[in-house]
């Protein structure tokens, strides 16, 4: 029996499905510095009921959560591997995500690596590239959509009279 091939997810319905179904996020490159984007995104996801597992060999703990030196050092399952690392590091992270049994490889804003995407999708993982998990959650599930952000409800264009 062959594994189901994953896909690159870049549509609102697909992002909503991933964020609704997968609640455990390993954040690779999570910083303990409050002003770093990784810290801000992880704190937001924690505050919205997700389990966040920091992955950074430089720290013992981040956001009150035990920090792990690598993905394979995490005890138990991981749903999403959310990476805040350089694009060149993504193929190795993709291999770790596959070995861990993750369901999703998420590359943050500015991160795009086709080789990593191929590694992950070939192994059955869904892949998100060049998107922030915090921004997408706020936009799709977190209430930002109530304000009409990216929904076409609010526009600078005047309605016809």
N, C-alpha and C. Protein backbone atom coordinates (compact mmCIF):
# COMPACT_ATOMS: atom_id res chain seq x y z
N UNK A 1 0.84 -1.18 0.00
CA UNK A 1 0.00 0.00 0.00
C UNK A 1 0.89 1.25 0.00
N UNK A 2 0.60 2.20 -0.86
CA UNK A 2 1.40 3.41 -0.94
C UNK A 2 0.77 4.51 -0.09
N UNK A 3 1.61 5.37 0.44
CA UNK A 3 1.13 6.48 1.26
C UNK A 3 0.44 7.51 0.37
N UNK A 4 -0.53 8.19 0.93
CA UNK A 4 -1.20 9.26 0.21
C UNK A 4 -0.25 10.43 0.09
N UNK A 5 -0.16 10.99 -1.09
CA UNK A 5 0.71 12.14 -1.31
C UNK A 5 0.06 13.37 -0.69
N UNK A 6 0.88 14.16 0.01
CA UNK A 6 0.40 15.42 0.57
C UNK A 6 0.29 16.45 -0.54
N UNK A 7 -0.11 17.65 -0.17
CA UNK A 7 -0.22 18.71 -1.16
C UNK A 7 0.22 20.04 -0.58
N UNK A 8 0.56 20.96 -1.45
CA UNK A 8 0.86 22.32 -1.04
C UNK A 8 -0.47 23.03 -0.86
N UNK A 9 -0.69 23.56 0.33
CA UNK A 9 -1.96 24.20 0.67
C UNK A 9 -1.77 25.71 0.61
N UNK A 10 -2.60 26.37 -0.20
CA UNK A 10 -2.49 27.82 -0.35
C UNK A 10 -3.86 28.47 -0.52
N UNK A 11 -4.91 27.78 -0.10
CA UNK A 11 -6.26 28.31 -0.24
C UNK A 11 -6.90 28.42 1.15
N UNK A 12 -7.87 29.28 1.28
CA UNK A 12 -8.49 29.53 2.58
C UNK A 12 -9.12 28.26 3.15
N UNK A 13 -9.82 27.50 2.35
CA UNK A 13 -10.46 26.27 2.85
C UNK A 13 -9.42 25.28 3.35
N UNK A 14 -8.33 25.15 2.63
CA UNK A 14 -7.27 24.23 3.05
C UNK A 14 -6.58 24.68 4.32
N UNK A 15 -6.28 25.97 4.41
CA UNK A 15 -5.66 26.52 5.62
C UNK A 15 -6.59 26.36 6.82
N UNK A 16 -7.88 26.63 6.62
CA UNK A 16 -8.87 26.46 7.70
C UNK A 16 -8.88 25.00 8.17
N UNK A 17 -8.86 24.07 7.24
CA UNK A 17 -8.86 22.65 7.59
C UNK A 17 -7.63 22.29 8.42
N UNK A 18 -6.45 22.74 7.99
CA UNK A 18 -5.23 22.43 8.72
C UNK A 18 -5.25 23.01 10.14
N UNK A 19 -5.66 24.26 10.26
CA UNK A 19 -5.68 24.91 11.57
C UNK A 19 -6.75 24.36 12.49
N UNK A 20 -7.84 23.88 11.93
CA UNK A 20 -8.92 23.31 12.75
C UNK A 20 -8.62 21.88 13.18
N UNK A 21 -7.96 21.11 12.35
CA UNK A 21 -7.73 19.69 12.63
C UNK A 21 -6.47 19.41 13.42
N UNK A 22 -5.48 20.27 13.34
CA UNK A 22 -4.17 19.98 13.93
C UNK A 22 -3.86 20.98 15.04
N UNK A 23 -3.72 20.49 16.27
CA UNK A 23 -3.63 21.36 17.45
C UNK A 23 -2.28 21.32 18.16
N UNK A 24 -1.35 20.49 17.72
CA UNK A 24 -0.03 20.42 18.35
C UNK A 24 1.01 20.92 17.35
N UNK A 25 1.69 22.01 17.73
CA UNK A 25 2.62 22.67 16.82
C UNK A 25 4.02 22.68 17.41
N UNK A 26 4.97 22.08 16.71
CA UNK A 26 6.39 22.18 17.07
C UNK A 26 6.93 23.40 16.33
N UNK A 27 7.41 24.39 17.09
CA UNK A 27 7.91 25.62 16.48
C UNK A 27 9.44 25.57 16.45
N UNK A 28 9.98 25.31 15.27
CA UNK A 28 11.43 25.17 15.09
C UNK A 28 12.04 26.56 14.93
N UNK A 29 12.97 26.87 15.83
CA UNK A 29 13.59 28.19 15.82
C UNK A 29 12.88 29.19 16.71
N UNK A 30 12.03 28.70 17.62
CA UNK A 30 11.32 29.59 18.53
C UNK A 30 12.31 30.30 19.45
N UNK A 31 12.21 31.62 19.48
CA UNK A 31 13.10 32.44 20.30
C UNK A 31 12.44 32.76 21.64
N UNK A 32 13.24 32.94 22.67
CA UNK A 32 12.74 33.35 23.98
C UNK A 32 12.62 34.87 24.08
N UNK A 33 13.01 35.56 23.02
CA UNK A 33 12.94 37.03 23.01
C UNK A 33 11.55 37.46 22.55
N UNK A 34 10.87 38.23 23.41
CA UNK A 34 9.47 38.61 23.16
C UNK A 34 9.28 39.39 21.87
N UNK A 35 10.31 40.06 21.38
CA UNK A 35 10.18 40.90 20.20
C UNK A 35 10.41 40.15 18.89
N UNK A 36 10.74 38.87 18.95
CA UNK A 36 10.96 38.07 17.75
C UNK A 36 9.62 37.55 17.20
N UNK A 37 9.46 37.50 15.88
CA UNK A 37 8.21 37.00 15.30
C UNK A 37 7.84 35.60 15.76
N UNK A 38 8.83 34.73 15.94
CA UNK A 38 8.53 33.36 16.37
C UNK A 38 7.87 33.36 17.75
N UNK A 39 8.34 34.19 18.65
CA UNK A 39 7.78 34.28 20.00
C UNK A 39 6.33 34.78 19.93
N UNK A 40 6.13 35.84 19.17
CA UNK A 40 4.80 36.44 19.04
C UNK A 40 3.80 35.43 18.46
N UNK A 41 4.20 34.74 17.40
CA UNK A 41 3.30 33.76 16.77
C UNK A 41 3.01 32.60 17.71
N UNK A 42 4.03 32.08 18.40
CA UNK A 42 3.83 30.95 19.31
C UNK A 42 2.95 31.35 20.49
N UNK A 43 3.16 32.54 21.04
CA UNK A 43 2.33 33.00 22.16
C UNK A 43 0.88 33.12 21.73
N UNK A 44 0.64 33.67 20.55
CA UNK A 44 -0.72 33.78 20.02
C UNK A 44 -1.37 32.40 19.92
N UNK A 45 -0.66 31.43 19.35
CA UNK A 45 -1.24 30.10 19.18
C UNK A 45 -1.51 29.44 20.54
N UNK A 46 -0.60 29.62 21.51
CA UNK A 46 -0.83 29.12 22.87
C UNK A 46 -2.09 29.74 23.46
N UNK A 47 -2.22 31.05 23.30
CA UNK A 47 -3.38 31.77 23.82
C UNK A 47 -4.68 31.36 23.16
N UNK A 48 -4.59 30.72 22.02
CA UNK A 48 -5.78 30.27 21.29
C UNK A 48 -5.97 28.75 21.37
N UNK A 49 -5.39 28.14 22.38
CA UNK A 49 -5.69 26.74 22.69
C UNK A 49 -4.84 25.69 22.01
N UNK A 50 -3.81 26.10 21.30
CA UNK A 50 -2.94 25.13 20.65
C UNK A 50 -1.84 24.70 21.63
N UNK A 51 -1.36 23.50 21.47
CA UNK A 51 -0.20 23.04 22.22
C UNK A 51 1.02 23.43 21.40
N UNK A 52 1.90 24.21 21.99
CA UNK A 52 3.10 24.67 21.30
C UNK A 52 4.31 24.00 21.94
N UNK A 53 5.14 23.39 21.11
CA UNK A 53 6.35 22.72 21.57
C UNK A 53 7.55 23.46 20.97
N UNK A 54 8.30 24.19 21.82
CA UNK A 54 9.47 24.90 21.31
C UNK A 54 10.59 23.94 20.89
N UNK A 55 11.23 24.26 19.76
CA UNK A 55 12.39 23.49 19.28
C UNK A 55 13.51 24.48 19.02
N UNK A 56 14.49 24.48 19.95
CA UNK A 56 15.64 25.36 19.83
C UNK A 56 16.68 24.89 20.84
N UNK A 57 17.84 24.45 20.38
CA UNK A 57 18.85 23.93 21.31
C UNK A 57 19.43 24.99 22.25
N UNK A 58 19.16 26.26 22.00
CA UNK A 58 19.72 27.33 22.83
C UNK A 58 18.98 27.55 24.15
N UNK A 59 17.79 26.97 24.29
CA UNK A 59 16.97 27.24 25.47
C UNK A 59 16.49 25.96 26.14
N UNK A 60 16.25 26.06 27.45
CA UNK A 60 15.65 24.95 28.20
C UNK A 60 14.13 25.09 28.22
N UNK A 61 13.65 26.36 28.15
CA UNK A 61 12.22 26.62 28.23
C UNK A 61 11.90 27.93 27.49
N UNK A 62 10.76 27.94 26.81
CA UNK A 62 10.26 29.15 26.17
C UNK A 62 8.75 29.18 26.38
N UNK A 63 8.24 30.33 26.78
CA UNK A 63 6.79 30.51 27.02
C UNK A 63 6.25 29.50 28.03
N UNK A 64 7.08 29.13 28.99
CA UNK A 64 6.65 28.17 30.01
C UNK A 64 6.58 26.74 29.53
N UNK A 65 7.07 26.48 28.32
CA UNK A 65 7.04 25.14 27.74
C UNK A 65 8.48 24.60 27.65
N UNK A 66 8.65 23.33 27.94
CA UNK A 66 9.97 22.71 27.81
C UNK A 66 10.43 22.79 26.36
N UNK A 67 11.67 23.22 26.17
CA UNK A 67 12.22 23.38 24.84
C UNK A 67 13.05 22.14 24.48
N UNK A 68 12.98 21.73 23.24
CA UNK A 68 13.70 20.54 22.77
C UNK A 68 14.77 20.95 21.76
N UNK A 69 15.88 20.22 21.73
CA UNK A 69 16.96 20.59 20.82
C UNK A 69 16.69 20.25 19.35
N UNK A 70 15.76 19.34 19.11
CA UNK A 70 15.44 18.93 17.73
C UNK A 70 14.03 18.35 17.71
N UNK A 71 13.50 18.17 16.51
CA UNK A 71 12.15 17.61 16.37
C UNK A 71 12.12 16.18 16.89
N UNK A 72 13.15 15.39 16.59
CA UNK A 72 13.13 13.99 17.01
C UNK A 72 13.27 13.83 18.53
N UNK A 73 13.68 14.88 19.24
CA UNK A 73 13.79 14.81 20.71
C UNK A 73 12.45 15.05 21.40
N UNK A 74 11.43 15.42 20.64
CA UNK A 74 10.11 15.67 21.22
C UNK A 74 9.44 14.34 21.55
N UNK A 75 9.02 14.16 22.82
CA UNK A 75 8.29 12.93 23.14
C UNK A 75 6.84 13.08 22.65
N UNK A 76 6.32 12.06 22.04
CA UNK A 76 4.93 12.10 21.59
C UNK A 76 4.75 12.70 20.22
N UNK A 77 3.51 12.71 19.75
CA UNK A 77 3.21 13.14 18.38
C UNK A 77 3.22 14.66 18.20
N UNK A 78 3.43 15.05 16.96
CA UNK A 78 3.41 16.45 16.54
C UNK A 78 2.53 16.52 15.30
N UNK A 79 1.63 17.50 15.25
CA UNK A 79 0.77 17.66 14.07
C UNK A 79 1.41 18.56 13.02
N UNK A 80 1.84 19.75 13.47
CA UNK A 80 2.40 20.75 12.55
C UNK A 80 3.83 21.06 12.97
N UNK A 81 4.74 21.05 12.01
CA UNK A 81 6.10 21.55 12.24
C UNK A 81 6.15 22.92 11.58
N UNK A 82 6.23 23.95 12.42
CA UNK A 82 6.21 25.35 11.99
C UNK A 82 7.65 25.87 12.06
N UNK A 83 8.23 26.21 10.92
CA UNK A 83 9.66 26.52 10.86
C UNK A 83 9.95 28.01 10.71
N UNK A 84 10.77 28.50 11.62
CA UNK A 84 11.33 29.86 11.57
C UNK A 84 12.84 29.74 11.36
N UNK A 85 13.24 29.14 10.28
CA UNK A 85 14.66 28.93 9.97
C UNK A 85 14.94 29.39 8.54
N UNK A 86 16.19 29.39 8.15
CA UNK A 86 16.57 29.82 6.81
C UNK A 86 16.09 28.81 5.77
N UNK A 87 15.76 29.27 4.56
CA UNK A 87 15.29 28.36 3.51
C UNK A 87 16.24 27.18 3.27
N UNK A 88 17.55 27.40 3.35
CA UNK A 88 18.52 26.33 3.09
C UNK A 88 18.41 25.21 4.13
N UNK A 89 17.87 25.50 5.31
CA UNK A 89 17.73 24.49 6.36
C UNK A 89 16.44 23.67 6.23
N UNK A 90 15.56 24.08 5.34
CA UNK A 90 14.24 23.46 5.26
C UNK A 90 14.24 22.00 4.81
N UNK A 91 15.08 21.55 3.86
CA UNK A 91 15.05 20.13 3.51
C UNK A 91 15.34 19.22 4.71
N UNK A 92 16.32 19.58 5.53
CA UNK A 92 16.63 18.77 6.72
C UNK A 92 15.47 18.80 7.70
N UNK A 93 14.83 19.95 7.86
CA UNK A 93 13.67 20.06 8.75
C UNK A 93 12.52 19.23 8.20
N UNK A 94 12.35 19.24 6.88
CA UNK A 94 11.29 18.42 6.26
C UNK A 94 11.53 16.94 6.54
N UNK A 95 12.77 16.50 6.44
CA UNK A 95 13.09 15.09 6.73
C UNK A 95 12.78 14.76 8.19
N UNK A 96 13.11 15.67 9.10
CA UNK A 96 12.80 15.45 10.52
C UNK A 96 11.29 15.39 10.75
N UNK A 97 10.54 16.27 10.08
CA UNK A 97 9.08 16.28 10.21
C UNK A 97 8.49 14.96 9.72
N UNK A 98 9.01 14.46 8.60
CA UNK A 98 8.55 13.18 8.06
C UNK A 98 8.86 12.06 9.05
N UNK A 99 10.09 12.03 9.56
CA UNK A 99 10.49 10.98 10.50
C UNK A 99 9.65 11.03 11.78
N UNK A 100 9.23 12.21 12.19
CA UNK A 100 8.44 12.38 13.41
C UNK A 100 6.99 11.96 13.20
N UNK A 101 6.55 11.90 11.94
CA UNK A 101 5.16 11.55 11.67
C UNK A 101 4.23 12.74 11.69
N UNK A 102 4.79 13.94 11.50
CA UNK A 102 3.97 15.16 11.46
C UNK A 102 3.00 15.09 10.28
N UNK A 103 1.96 15.88 10.35
CA UNK A 103 0.96 15.92 9.28
C UNK A 103 1.16 17.12 8.35
N UNK A 104 1.81 18.18 8.89
CA UNK A 104 1.95 19.42 8.13
C UNK A 104 3.35 20.00 8.34
N UNK A 105 3.97 20.46 7.25
CA UNK A 105 5.19 21.26 7.31
C UNK A 105 4.79 22.68 6.95
N UNK A 106 4.98 23.61 7.90
CA UNK A 106 4.56 24.99 7.70
C UNK A 106 5.80 25.87 7.67
N UNK A 107 6.05 26.54 6.54
CA UNK A 107 7.18 27.45 6.41
C UNK A 107 6.67 28.88 6.55
N UNK A 108 7.24 29.61 7.49
CA UNK A 108 6.77 30.94 7.83
C UNK A 108 6.99 31.95 6.71
N UNK A 109 6.49 33.17 6.93
CA UNK A 109 6.63 34.25 5.95
C UNK A 109 8.08 34.37 5.49
N UNK A 110 8.27 34.47 4.19
CA UNK A 110 9.59 34.60 3.62
C UNK A 110 10.29 33.28 3.36
N UNK A 111 9.69 32.18 3.82
CA UNK A 111 10.31 30.86 3.62
C UNK A 111 9.60 30.09 2.52
N UNK A 112 10.42 29.70 1.56
CA UNK A 112 9.91 28.88 0.47
C UNK A 112 11.06 27.99 0.03
N UNK A 113 10.83 26.68 0.03
CA UNK A 113 11.87 25.76 -0.41
C UNK A 113 11.17 24.58 -1.10
N UNK A 114 11.31 24.53 -2.42
CA UNK A 114 10.62 23.51 -3.20
C UNK A 114 11.12 22.10 -2.90
N UNK A 115 12.40 21.95 -2.60
CA UNK A 115 12.93 20.64 -2.26
C UNK A 115 12.30 20.13 -0.96
N UNK A 116 12.19 21.00 0.03
CA UNK A 116 11.56 20.62 1.30
C UNK A 116 10.09 20.28 1.08
N UNK A 117 9.42 21.05 0.24
CA UNK A 117 8.01 20.78 -0.06
C UNK A 117 7.86 19.41 -0.73
N UNK A 118 8.77 19.08 -1.65
CA UNK A 118 8.71 17.78 -2.33
C UNK A 118 8.94 16.64 -1.34
N UNK A 119 9.94 16.79 -0.48
CA UNK A 119 10.23 15.77 0.54
C UNK A 119 8.98 15.52 1.38
N UNK A 120 8.37 16.60 1.83
CA UNK A 120 7.20 16.48 2.71
C UNK A 120 5.98 15.92 1.98
N UNK A 121 5.66 16.46 0.81
CA UNK A 121 4.46 15.98 0.10
C UNK A 121 4.63 14.54 -0.36
N UNK A 122 5.83 14.16 -0.78
CA UNK A 122 6.07 12.77 -1.18
C UNK A 122 5.82 11.81 -0.02
N UNK A 123 6.02 12.28 1.20
CA UNK A 123 5.81 11.44 2.39
C UNK A 123 4.39 11.56 2.94
N UNK A 124 3.54 12.37 2.28
CA UNK A 124 2.15 12.47 2.71
C UNK A 124 1.80 13.68 3.56
N UNK A 125 2.77 14.55 3.82
CA UNK A 125 2.49 15.75 4.60
C UNK A 125 1.91 16.83 3.70
N UNK A 126 1.02 17.63 4.27
CA UNK A 126 0.60 18.85 3.61
C UNK A 126 1.66 19.90 3.90
N UNK A 127 1.81 20.87 2.99
CA UNK A 127 2.85 21.89 3.12
C UNK A 127 2.24 23.27 2.92
N UNK A 128 2.63 24.19 3.80
CA UNK A 128 2.27 25.61 3.66
C UNK A 128 3.58 26.37 3.56
N UNK A 129 3.68 27.25 2.56
CA UNK A 129 4.91 28.03 2.38
C UNK A 129 4.59 29.52 2.39
N UNK A 130 5.53 30.30 2.95
CA UNK A 130 5.47 31.75 2.92
C UNK A 130 4.18 32.31 3.54
N UNK A 131 3.76 31.70 4.65
CA UNK A 131 2.60 32.20 5.38
C UNK A 131 2.85 32.08 6.88
N UNK A 132 2.33 33.04 7.63
CA UNK A 132 2.46 33.03 9.08
C UNK A 132 1.26 32.33 9.70
N UNK A 133 1.52 31.35 10.56
CA UNK A 133 0.45 30.59 11.20
C UNK A 133 -0.44 31.50 12.04
N UNK A 134 0.15 32.49 12.70
CA UNK A 134 -0.61 33.43 13.54
C UNK A 134 -1.51 34.30 12.67
N UNK A 135 -0.96 34.85 11.61
CA UNK A 135 -1.75 35.71 10.72
C UNK A 135 -2.88 34.92 10.09
N UNK A 136 -2.59 33.71 9.62
CA UNK A 136 -3.64 32.90 8.99
C UNK A 136 -4.72 32.50 9.98
N UNK A 137 -4.34 32.15 11.20
CA UNK A 137 -5.34 31.81 12.21
C UNK A 137 -6.22 33.02 12.51
N UNK A 138 -5.60 34.18 12.73
CA UNK A 138 -6.37 35.40 13.03
C UNK A 138 -7.29 35.75 11.87
N UNK A 139 -6.79 35.59 10.66
CA UNK A 139 -7.58 35.96 9.47
C UNK A 139 -8.73 35.00 9.22
N UNK A 140 -8.50 33.71 9.43
CA UNK A 140 -9.49 32.70 9.04
C UNK A 140 -10.35 32.24 10.21
N UNK A 141 -9.75 32.03 11.37
CA UNK A 141 -10.49 31.47 12.51
C UNK A 141 -10.55 32.38 13.73
N UNK A 142 -9.69 33.37 13.81
CA UNK A 142 -9.53 34.12 15.04
C UNK A 142 -10.34 35.38 15.19
N UNK A 143 -11.22 35.70 14.28
CA UNK A 143 -12.05 36.86 14.43
C UNK A 143 -11.68 38.03 13.54
N UNK A 144 -10.46 38.03 12.99
CA UNK A 144 -10.07 39.11 12.09
C UNK A 144 -10.99 39.13 10.86
N UNK A 145 -11.48 37.95 10.48
CA UNK A 145 -12.39 37.87 9.33
C UNK A 145 -13.73 38.56 9.61
N UNK A 146 -14.08 38.75 10.88
CA UNK A 146 -15.33 39.44 11.21
C UNK A 146 -15.28 40.90 10.77
N UNK A 147 -14.08 41.44 10.65
CA UNK A 147 -13.90 42.83 10.25
C UNK A 147 -13.88 42.98 8.74
N UNK A 148 -13.99 41.88 8.03
CA UNK A 148 -13.99 41.94 6.58
C UNK A 148 -12.61 41.84 5.95
N UNK A 149 -11.58 41.52 6.75
CA UNK A 149 -10.23 41.42 6.22
C UNK A 149 -10.15 40.28 5.20
N UNK A 150 -9.80 40.61 3.98
CA UNK A 150 -9.63 39.66 2.90
C UNK A 150 -10.90 38.86 2.59
N UNK A 151 -12.06 39.45 2.88
CA UNK A 151 -13.30 38.74 2.59
C UNK A 151 -14.13 39.45 1.51
N UNK A 152 -13.74 40.70 1.21
CA UNK A 152 -14.49 41.47 0.23
C UNK A 152 -15.66 42.19 0.85
N UNK A 153 -15.89 42.05 2.14
CA UNK A 153 -17.00 42.71 2.81
C UNK A 153 -16.71 44.20 2.98
N UNK A 154 -15.49 44.53 3.36
CA UNK A 154 -15.09 45.92 3.54
C UNK A 154 -14.21 46.30 2.36
N UNK A 155 -14.49 47.44 1.78
CA UNK A 155 -13.73 47.88 0.62
C UNK A 155 -13.59 49.40 0.66
N UNK A 156 -12.55 49.91 0.05
CA UNK A 156 -12.37 51.35 -0.08
C UNK A 156 -13.17 51.88 -1.26
N UNK A 157 -13.72 51.00 -2.03
CA UNK A 157 -14.50 51.37 -3.20
C UNK A 157 -15.92 51.76 -2.78
N UNK A 158 -16.40 52.88 -3.25
CA UNK A 158 -17.75 53.31 -2.91
C UNK A 158 -18.78 52.46 -3.63
N UNK A 159 -19.83 52.16 -2.89
CA UNK A 159 -20.93 51.40 -3.48
C UNK A 159 -21.66 52.29 -4.49
N UNK A 160 -22.18 51.65 -5.53
CA UNK A 160 -22.95 52.39 -6.52
C UNK A 160 -24.24 52.94 -5.92
N UNK A 161 -24.62 54.16 -6.32
CA UNK A 161 -25.82 54.80 -5.73
C UNK A 161 -26.97 54.68 -6.68
